[in-house]
Amino acid sequence: SIDALACGVTFAFLDTDIWSAAAIIGTTTFVL
């Protein structure tokens, strides 16, 4: 998940709802 940390830094610079993004990423990873 280190790469997810770097993506989180990227999300800070974009118009991203971090809570929704984290939920989507976590759920996707759970299933996959």
Full PDB file with SEQRES, HELIX, SHEET, SSBOND, CRYST1, ORIGX, SCALE, CONECT and MASTER records, all heavy atoms in Angstrom:
SEQRES   1 A   32  SER ILE ASP ALA LEU ALA CYS GLY VAL THR PHE ALA PHE          
SEQRES   2 A   32  LEU ASP THR ASP ILE TRP SER ALA ALA ALA ILE ILE GLY          
SEQRES   3 A   32  THR THR THR PHE VAL LEU                                      
HELIX    1 AA1 ILE A    2  PHE A   13  1                                  12    
HELIX    2 AA2 ILE A   18  VAL A   31  1                                  14    
CRYST1    1.000    1.000    1.000  90.00  90.00  90.00 P 1           1          
ORIGX1      1.000000  0.000000  0.000000        0.00000                         
ORIGX2      0.000000  1.000000  0.000000        0.00000                         
ORIGX3      0.000000  0.000000  1.000000        0.00000                         
SCALE1      1.000000  0.000000  0.000000        0.00000                         
SCALE2      0.000000  1.000000  0.000000        0.00000                         
SCALE3      0.000000  0.000000  1.000000        0.00000                         
ATOM      1  N   SER A   1       0.804  -1.234   0.000  1.00  0.00           N  
ATOM      2  CA  SER A   1       0.000   0.000   0.000  1.00  0.00           C  
ATOM      3  C   SER A   1       0.833   1.278   0.000  1.00  0.00           C  
ATOM      4  O   SER A   1       0.277   2.364   0.091  1.00  0.00           O  
ATOM      5  CB  SER A   1      -0.953   0.004   1.201  1.00  0.00           C  
ATOM      6  OG  SER A   1      -0.231   0.002   2.408  1.00  0.00           O  
ATOM      7  N   ILE A   2       2.140   1.180  -0.130  1.00  0.00           N  
ATOM      8  CA  ILE A   2       2.977   2.381  -0.183  1.00  0.00           C  
ATOM      9  C   ILE A   2       2.590   3.256  -1.371  1.00  0.00           C  
ATOM     10  O   ILE A   2       2.548   4.489  -1.263  1.00  0.00           O  
ATOM     11  CB  ILE A   2       4.473   1.999  -0.255  1.00  0.00           C  
ATOM     12  CG1 ILE A   2       4.910   1.301   1.040  1.00  0.00           C  
ATOM     13  CG2 ILE A   2       5.340   3.207  -0.540  1.00  0.00           C  
ATOM     14  CD1 ILE A   2       4.805   2.134   2.286  1.00  0.00           C  
ATOM     15  N   ASP A   3       2.288   2.644  -2.515  1.00  0.00           N  
ATOM     16  CA  ASP A   3       1.880   3.419  -3.671  1.00  0.00           C  
ATOM     17  C   ASP A   3       0.565   4.159  -3.430  1.00  0.00           C  
ATOM     18  O   ASP A   3       0.344   5.250  -3.960  1.00  0.00           O  
ATOM     19  CB  ASP A   3       1.807   2.569  -4.934  1.00  0.00           C  
ATOM     20  CG  ASP A   3       1.028   1.275  -4.751  1.00  0.00           C  
ATOM     21  OD1 ASP A   3       0.576   0.973  -3.623  1.00  0.00           O  
ATOM     22  OD2 ASP A   3       0.883   0.546  -5.747  1.00  0.00           O  
ATOM     23  N   ALA A   4      -0.294   3.617  -2.572  1.00  0.00           N  
ATOM     24  CA  ALA A   4      -1.551   4.298  -2.227  1.00  0.00           C  
ATOM     25  C   ALA A   4      -1.267   5.557  -1.406  1.00  0.00           C  
ATOM     26  O   ALA A   4      -1.993   6.546  -1.511  1.00  0.00           O  
ATOM     27  CB  ALA A   4      -2.480   3.369  -1.471  1.00  0.00           C  
ATOM     28  N   LEU A   5      -0.210   5.542  -0.597  1.00  0.00           N  
ATOM     29  CA  LEU A   5       0.202   6.727   0.148  1.00  0.00           C  
ATOM     30  C   LEU A   5       0.581   7.841  -0.822  1.00  0.00           C  
ATOM     31  O   LEU A   5       0.141   8.989  -0.670  1.00  0.00           O  
ATOM     32  CB  LEU A   5       1.382   6.390   1.064  1.00  0.00           C  
ATOM     33  CG  LEU A   5       1.954   7.536   1.880  1.00  0.00           C  
ATOM     34  CD1 LEU A   5       1.047   7.866   3.050  1.00  0.00           C  
ATOM     35  CD2 LEU A   5       3.346   7.182   2.378  1.00  0.00           C  
ATOM     36  N   ALA A   6       1.361   7.512  -1.828  1.00  0.00           N  
ATOM     37  CA  ALA A   6       1.761   8.503  -2.831  1.00  0.00           C  
ATOM     38  C   ALA A   6       0.552   9.018  -3.610  1.00  0.00           C  
ATOM     39  O   ALA A   6       0.471  10.218  -3.918  1.00  0.00           O  
ATOM     40  CB  ALA A   6       2.792   7.901  -3.775  1.00  0.00           C  
ATOM     41  N   CYS A   7      -0.397   8.145  -3.902  1.00  0.00           N  
ATOM     42  CA  CYS A   7      -1.614   8.602  -4.590  1.00  0.00           C  
ATOM     43  C   CYS A   7      -2.420   9.538  -3.705  1.00  0.00           C  
ATOM     44  O   CYS A   7      -3.030  10.482  -4.194  1.00  0.00           O  
ATOM     45  CB  CYS A   7      -2.466   7.421  -5.027  1.00  0.00           C  
ATOM     46  SG  CYS A   7      -1.924   6.705  -6.572  1.00  0.00           S  
ATOM     47  N   GLY A   8      -2.416   9.297  -2.412  1.00  0.00           N  
ATOM     48  CA  GLY A   8      -3.099  10.193  -1.485  1.00  0.00           C  
ATOM     49  C   GLY A   8      -2.500  11.591  -1.521  1.00  0.00           C  
ATOM     50  O   GLY A   8      -3.226  12.591  -1.467  1.00  0.00           O  
ATOM     51  N   VAL A   9      -1.177  11.672  -1.625  1.00  0.00           N  
ATOM     52  CA  VAL A   9      -0.519  12.979  -1.777  1.00  0.00           C  
ATOM     53  C   VAL A   9      -1.016  13.640  -3.054  1.00  0.00           C  
ATOM     54  O   VAL A   9      -1.345  14.831  -3.070  1.00  0.00           O  
ATOM     55  CB  VAL A   9       1.025  12.833  -1.803  1.00  0.00           C  
ATOM     56  CG1 VAL A   9       1.696  14.146  -2.164  1.00  0.00           C  
ATOM     57  CG2 VAL A   9       1.537  12.323  -0.459  1.00  0.00           C  
ATOM     58  N   THR A  10      -1.110  12.856  -4.126  1.00  0.00           N  
ATOM     59  CA  THR A  10      -1.607  13.370  -5.401  1.00  0.00           C  
ATOM     60  C   THR A  10      -3.040  13.870  -5.272  1.00  0.00           C  
ATOM     61  O   THR A  10      -3.393  14.924  -5.809  1.00  0.00           O  
ATOM     62  CB  THR A  10      -1.535  12.262  -6.478  1.00  0.00           C  
ATOM     63  OG1 THR A  10      -0.197  11.807  -6.580  1.00  0.00           O  
ATOM     64  CG2 THR A  10      -1.999  12.781  -7.824  1.00  0.00           C  
ATOM     65  N   PHE A  11      -3.884  13.143  -4.547  1.00  0.00           N  
ATOM     66  CA  PHE A  11      -5.277  13.544  -4.375  1.00  0.00           C  
ATOM     67  C   PHE A  11      -5.402  14.906  -3.699  1.00  0.00           C  
ATOM     68  O   PHE A  11      -6.373  15.629  -3.920  1.00  0.00           O  
ATOM     69  CB  PHE A  11      -6.054  12.512  -3.556  1.00  0.00           C  
ATOM     70  CG  PHE A  11      -6.322  11.218  -4.270  1.00  0.00           C  
ATOM     71  CD1 PHE A  11      -6.531  10.056  -3.539  1.00  0.00           C  
ATOM     72  CD2 PHE A  11      -6.384  11.140  -5.645  1.00  0.00           C  
ATOM     73  CE1 PHE A  11      -6.794   8.849  -4.170  1.00  0.00           C  
ATOM     74  CE2 PHE A  11      -6.638   9.949  -6.290  1.00  0.00           C  
ATOM     75  CZ  PHE A  11      -6.846   8.802  -5.555  1.00  0.00           C  
ATOM     76  N   ALA A  12      -4.437  15.268  -2.873  1.00  0.00           N  
ATOM     77  CA  ALA A  12      -4.479  16.566  -2.196  1.00  0.00           C  
ATOM     78  C   ALA A  12      -4.375  17.712  -3.191  1.00  0.00           C  
ATOM     79  O   ALA A  12      -4.841  18.820  -2.920  1.00  0.00           O  
ATOM     80  CB  ALA A  12      -3.354  16.661  -1.162  1.00  0.00           C  
ATOM     81  N   PHE A  13      -3.763  17.461  -4.344  1.00  0.00           N  
ATOM     82  CA  PHE A  13      -3.594  18.498  -5.354  1.00  0.00           C  
ATOM     83  C   PHE A  13      -4.736  18.532  -6.355  1.00  0.00           C  
ATOM     84  O   PHE A  13      -4.809  19.430  -7.182  1.00  0.00           O  
ATOM     85  CB  PHE A  13      -2.275  18.297  -6.117  1.00  0.00           C  
ATOM     86  CG  PHE A  13      -1.082  18.292  -5.216  1.00  0.00           C  
ATOM     87  CD1 PHE A  13      -0.237  17.208  -5.177  1.00  0.00           C  
ATOM     88  CD2 PHE A  13      -0.797  19.376  -4.404  1.00  0.00           C  
ATOM     89  CE1 PHE A  13       0.862  17.200  -4.350  1.00  0.00           C  
ATOM     90  CE2 PHE A  13       0.303  19.375  -3.575  1.00  0.00           C  
ATOM     91  CZ  PHE A  13       1.138  18.287  -3.554  1.00  0.00           C  
ATOM     92  N   LEU A  14      -5.610  17.569  -6.303  1.00  0.00           N  
ATOM     93  CA  LEU A  14      -6.715  17.459  -7.252  1.00  0.00           C  
ATOM     94  C   LEU A  14      -8.032  17.690  -6.533  1.00  0.00           C  
ATOM     95  O   LEU A  14      -8.103  17.678  -5.318  1.00  0.00           O  
ATOM     96  CB  LEU A  14      -6.704  16.066  -7.899  1.00  0.00           C  
ATOM     97  CG  LEU A  14      -5.398  15.661  -8.576  1.00  0.00           C  
ATOM     98  CD1 LEU A  14      -5.458  14.199  -9.000  1.00  0.00           C  
ATOM     99  CD2 LEU A  14      -5.113  16.551  -9.765  1.00  0.00           C  
ATOM    100  N   ASP A  15      -9.073  17.879  -7.297  1.00  0.00           N  
ATOM    101  CA  ASP A  15     -10.404  18.054  -6.725  1.00  0.00           C  
ATOM    102  C   ASP A  15     -10.978  16.665  -6.439  1.00  0.00           C  
ATOM    103  O   ASP A  15     -11.736  16.108  -7.229  1.00  0.00           O  
ATOM    104  CB  ASP A  15     -11.296  18.817  -7.717  1.00  0.00           C  
ATOM    105  CG  ASP A  15     -12.658  19.097  -7.144  1.00  0.00           C  
ATOM    106  OD1 ASP A  15     -12.788  19.166  -5.905  1.00  0.00           O  
ATOM    107  OD2 ASP A  15     -13.603  19.243  -7.940  1.00  0.00           O  
ATOM    108  N   THR A  16     -10.589  16.106  -5.281  1.00  0.00           N  
ATOM    109  CA  THR A  16     -10.966  14.737  -4.944  1.00  0.00           C  
ATOM    110  C   THR A  16     -11.580  14.688  -3.552  1.00  0.00           C  
ATOM    111  O   THR A  16     -11.030  15.241  -2.610  1.00  0.00           O  
ATOM    112  CB  THR A  16      -9.715  13.825  -4.969  1.00  0.00           C  
ATOM    113  OG1 THR A  16      -9.080  13.943  -6.239  1.00  0.00           O  
ATOM    114  CG2 THR A  16     -10.080  12.386  -4.720  1.00  0.00           C  
ATOM    115  N   ASP A  17     -12.716  14.024  -3.440  1.00  0.00           N  
ATOM    116  CA  ASP A  17     -13.302  13.745  -2.129  1.00  0.00           C  
ATOM    117  C   ASP A  17     -12.533  12.560  -1.553  1.00  0.00           C  
ATOM    118  O   ASP A  17     -12.737  11.416  -1.943  1.00  0.00           O  
ATOM    119  CB  ASP A  17     -14.786  13.413  -2.278  1.00  0.00           C  
ATOM    120  CG  ASP A  17     -15.435  12.960  -0.977  1.00  0.00           C  
ATOM    121  OD1 ASP A  17     -14.809  13.083   0.091  1.00  0.00           O  
ATOM    122  OD2 ASP A  17     -16.585  12.477  -1.049  1.00  0.00           O  
ATOM    123  N   ILE A  18     -11.621  12.839  -0.635  1.00  0.00           N  
ATOM    124  CA  ILE A  18     -10.690  11.826  -0.143  1.00  0.00           C  
ATOM    125  C   ILE A  18     -11.400  10.680   0.575  1.00  0.00           C  
ATOM    126  O   ILE A  18     -10.975   9.530   0.486  1.00  0.00           O  
ATOM    127  CB  ILE A  18      -9.586  12.449   0.736  1.00  0.00           C  
ATOM    128  CG1 ILE A  18      -8.489  11.415   1.038  1.00  0.00           C  
ATOM    129  CG2 ILE A  18     -10.153  13.017   2.017  1.00  0.00           C  
ATOM    130  CD1 ILE A  18      -7.796  10.841  -0.165  1.00  0.00           C  
ATOM    131  N   TRP A  19     -12.489  10.964   1.266  1.00  0.00           N  
ATOM    132  CA  TRP A  19     -13.204   9.908   1.983  1.00  0.00           C  
ATOM    133  C   TRP A  19     -13.831   8.915   1.010  1.00  0.00           C  
ATOM    134  O   TRP A  19     -13.749   7.705   1.212  1.00  0.00           O  
ATOM    135  CB  TRP A  19     -14.243  10.504   2.929  1.00  0.00           C  
ATOM    136  CG  TRP A  19     -13.583  11.325   3.995  1.00  0.00           C  
ATOM    137  CD1 TRP A  19     -13.552  12.686   4.074  1.00  0.00           C  
ATOM    138  CD2 TRP A  19     -12.831  10.845   5.115  1.00  0.00           C  
ATOM    139  NE1 TRP A  19     -12.817  13.085   5.170  1.00  0.00           N  
ATOM    140  CE2 TRP A  19     -12.363  11.964   5.832  1.00  0.00           C  
ATOM    141  CE3 TRP A  19     -12.489   9.580   5.567  1.00  0.00           C  
ATOM    142  CZ2 TRP A  19     -11.604  11.865   6.984  1.00  0.00           C  
ATOM    143  CZ3 TRP A  19     -11.727   9.470   6.724  1.00  0.00           C  
ATOM    144  CH2 TRP A  19     -11.288  10.598   7.410  1.00  0.00           C  
ATOM    145  N   SER A  20     -14.451   9.431  -0.039  1.00  0.00           N  
ATOM    146  CA  SER A  20     -15.026   8.548  -1.061  1.00  0.00           C  
ATOM    147  C   SER A  20     -13.926   7.790  -1.792  1.00  0.00           C  
ATOM    148  O   SER A  20     -14.063   6.593  -2.055  1.00  0.00           O  
ATOM    149  CB  SER A  20     -15.841   9.358  -2.075  1.00  0.00           C  
ATOM    150  OG  SER A  20     -16.952   9.942  -1.453  1.00  0.00           O  
ATOM    151  N   ALA A  21     -12.840   8.497  -2.116  1.00  0.00           N  
ATOM    152  CA  ALA A  21     -11.730   7.855  -2.816  1.00  0.00           C  
ATOM    153  C   ALA A  21     -11.145   6.718  -1.975  1.00  0.00           C  
ATOM    154  O   ALA A  21     -10.901   5.617  -2.486  1.00  0.00           O  
ATOM    155  CB  ALA A  21     -10.651   8.880  -3.155  1.00  0.00           C  
ATOM    156  N   ALA A  22     -10.924   6.970  -0.698  1.00  0.00           N  
ATOM    157  CA  ALA A  22     -10.364   5.945   0.187  1.00  0.00           C  
ATOM    158  C   ALA A  22     -11.315   4.748   0.292  1.00  0.00           C  
ATOM    159  O   ALA A  22     -10.868   3.593   0.284  1.00  0.00           O  
ATOM    160  CB  ALA A  22     -10.079   6.526   1.561  1.00  0.00           C  
ATOM    161  N   ALA A  23     -12.614   5.023   0.371  1.00  0.00           N  
ATOM    162  CA  ALA A  23     -13.598   3.936   0.459  1.00  0.00           C  
ATOM    163  C   ALA A  23     -13.613   3.105  -0.825  1.00  0.00           C  
ATOM    164  O   ALA A  23     -13.657   1.867  -0.772  1.00  0.00           O  
ATOM    165  CB  ALA A  23     -14.987   4.495   0.750  1.00  0.00           C  
ATOM    166  N   ILE A  24     -13.569   3.770  -1.967  1.00  0.00           N  
ATOM    167  CA  ILE A  24     -13.571   3.061  -3.251  1.00  0.00           C  
ATOM    168  C   ILE A  24     -12.305   2.220  -3.389  1.00  0.00           C  
ATOM    169  O   ILE A  24     -12.356   1.050  -3.769  1.00  0.00           O  
ATOM    170  CB  ILE A  24     -13.713   4.051  -4.428  1.00  0.00           C  
ATOM    171  CG1 ILE A  24     -15.123   4.659  -4.436  1.00  0.00           C  
ATOM    172  CG2 ILE A  24     -13.408   3.378  -5.766  1.00  0.00           C  
ATOM    173  CD1 ILE A  24     -15.295   5.845  -5.370  1.00  0.00           C  
ATOM    174  N   ILE A  25     -11.162   2.813  -3.079  1.00  0.00           N  
ATOM    175  CA  ILE A  25      -9.890   2.107  -3.197  1.00  0.00           C  
ATOM    176  C   ILE A  25      -9.844   0.924  -2.230  1.00  0.00           C  
ATOM    177  O   ILE A  25      -9.442  -0.185  -2.596  1.00  0.00           O  
ATOM    178  CB  ILE A  25      -8.708   3.072  -2.974  1.00  0.00           C  
ATOM    179  CG1 ILE A  25      -8.615   4.062  -4.138  1.00  0.00           C  
ATOM    180  CG2 ILE A  25      -7.391   2.302  -2.806  1.00  0.00           C  
ATOM    181  CD1 ILE A  25      -7.687   5.230  -3.886  1.00  0.00           C  
ATOM    182  N   GLY A  26     -10.270   1.135  -0.992  1.00  0.00           N  
ATOM    183  CA  GLY A  26     -10.268   0.061  -0.009  1.00  0.00           C  
ATOM    184  C   GLY A  26     -11.202  -1.077  -0.383  1.00  0.00           C  
ATOM    185  O   GLY A  26     -10.847  -2.254  -0.272  1.00  0.00           O  
ATOM    186  N   THR A  27     -12.398  -0.737  -0.831  1.00  0.00           N  
ATOM    187  CA  THR A  27     -13.376  -1.754  -1.220  1.00  0.00           C  
ATOM    188  C   THR A  27     -12.901  -2.529  -2.445  1.00  0.00           C  
ATOM    189  O   THR A  27     -13.020  -3.760  -2.499  1.00  0.00           O  
ATOM    190  CB  THR A  27     -14.750  -1.106  -1.497  1.00  0.00           C  
ATOM    191  OG1 THR A  27     -15.170  -0.406  -0.325  1.00  0.00           O  
ATOM    192  CG2 THR A  27     -15.789  -2.140  -1.890  1.00  0.00           C  
ATOM    193  N   THR A  28     -12.368  -1.810  -3.417  1.00  0.00           N  
ATOM    194  CA  THR A  28     -11.840  -2.460  -4.617  1.00  0.00           C  
ATOM    195  C   THR A  28     -10.733  -3.439  -4.256  1.00  0.00           C  
ATOM    196  O   THR A  28     -10.703  -4.582  -4.734  1.00  0.00           O  
ATOM    197  CB  THR A  28     -11.310  -1.401  -5.604  1.00  0.00           C  
ATOM    198  OG1 THR A  28     -12.370  -0.511  -5.937  1.00  0.00           O  
ATOM    199  CG2 THR A  28     -10.774  -2.037  -6.869  1.00  0.00           C  
ATOM    200  N   THR A  29      -9.830  -3.008  -3.381  1.00  0.00           N  
ATOM    201  CA  THR A  29      -8.729  -3.874  -2.966  1.00  0.00           C  
ATOM    202  C   THR A  29      -9.245  -5.068  -2.173  1.00  0.00           C  
ATOM    203  O   THR A  29      -8.759  -6.187  -2.346  1.00  0.00           O  
ATOM    204  CB  THR A  29      -7.694  -3.086  -2.139  1.00  0.00           C  
ATOM    205  OG1 THR A  29      -7.231  -1.977  -2.911  1.00  0.00           O  
ATOM    206  CG2 THR A  29      -6.516  -3.957  -1.751  1.00  0.00           C  
ATOM    207  N   PHE A  30     -10.211  -4.844  -1.305  1.00  0.00           N  
ATOM    208  CA  PHE A  30     -10.823  -5.942  -0.540  1.00  0.00           C  
ATOM    209  C   PHE A  30     -11.315  -7.036  -1.484  1.00  0.00           C  
ATOM    210  O   PHE A  30     -10.982  -8.210  -1.339  1.00  0.00           O  
ATOM    211  CB  PHE A  30     -11.966  -5.393   0.318  1.00  0.00           C  
ATOM    212  CG  PHE A  30     -12.696  -6.441   1.114  1.00  0.00           C  
ATOM    213  CD1 PHE A  30     -12.250  -6.796   2.372  1.00  0.00           C  
ATOM    214  CD2 PHE A  30     -13.824  -7.062   0.610  1.00  0.00           C  
ATOM    215  CE1 PHE A  30     -12.917  -7.765   3.126  1.00  0.00           C  
ATOM    216  CE2 PHE A  30     -14.499  -8.029   1.342  1.00  0.00           C  
ATOM    217  CZ  PHE A  30     -14.045  -8.381   2.608  1.00  0.00           C  
ATOM    218  N   VAL A  31     -12.106  -6.630  -2.463  1.00  0.00           N  
ATOM    219  CA  VAL A  31     -12.711  -7.587  -3.397  1.00  0.00           C  
ATOM    220  C   VAL A  31     -11.638  -8.267  -4.256  1.00  0.00           C  
ATOM    221  O   VAL A  31     -11.622  -9.490  -4.403  1.00  0.00           O  
ATOM    222  CB  VAL A  31     -13.768  -6.889  -4.281  1.00  0.00           C  
ATOM    223  CG1 VAL A  31     -14.236  -7.792  -5.418  1.00  0.00           C  
ATOM    224  CG2 VAL A  31     -14.947  -6.424  -3.438  1.00  0.00           C  
ATOM    225  N   LEU A  32     -10.722  -7.461  -4.815  1.00  0.00           N  
ATOM    226  CA  LEU A  32      -9.702  -8.043  -5.690  1.00  0.00           C  
ATOM    227  C   LEU A  32      -8.726  -8.941  -4.935  1.00  0.00           C  
ATOM    228  O   LEU A  32      -8.198  -9.901  -5.500  1.00  0.00           O  
ATOM    229  CB  LEU A  32      -8.963  -6.947  -6.456  1.00  0.00           C  
ATOM    230  CG  LEU A  32      -9.776  -6.278  -7.563  1.00  0.00           C  
ATOM    231  CD1 LEU A  32      -9.002  -5.146  -8.211  1.00  0.00           C  
ATOM    232  CD2 LEU A  32     -10.220  -7.288  -8.604  1.00  0.00           C  
TER     233      LEU A  32                                                      
MASTER        0    0    0    2    0    0    0    6  232    1    0    3          
END                                                                             
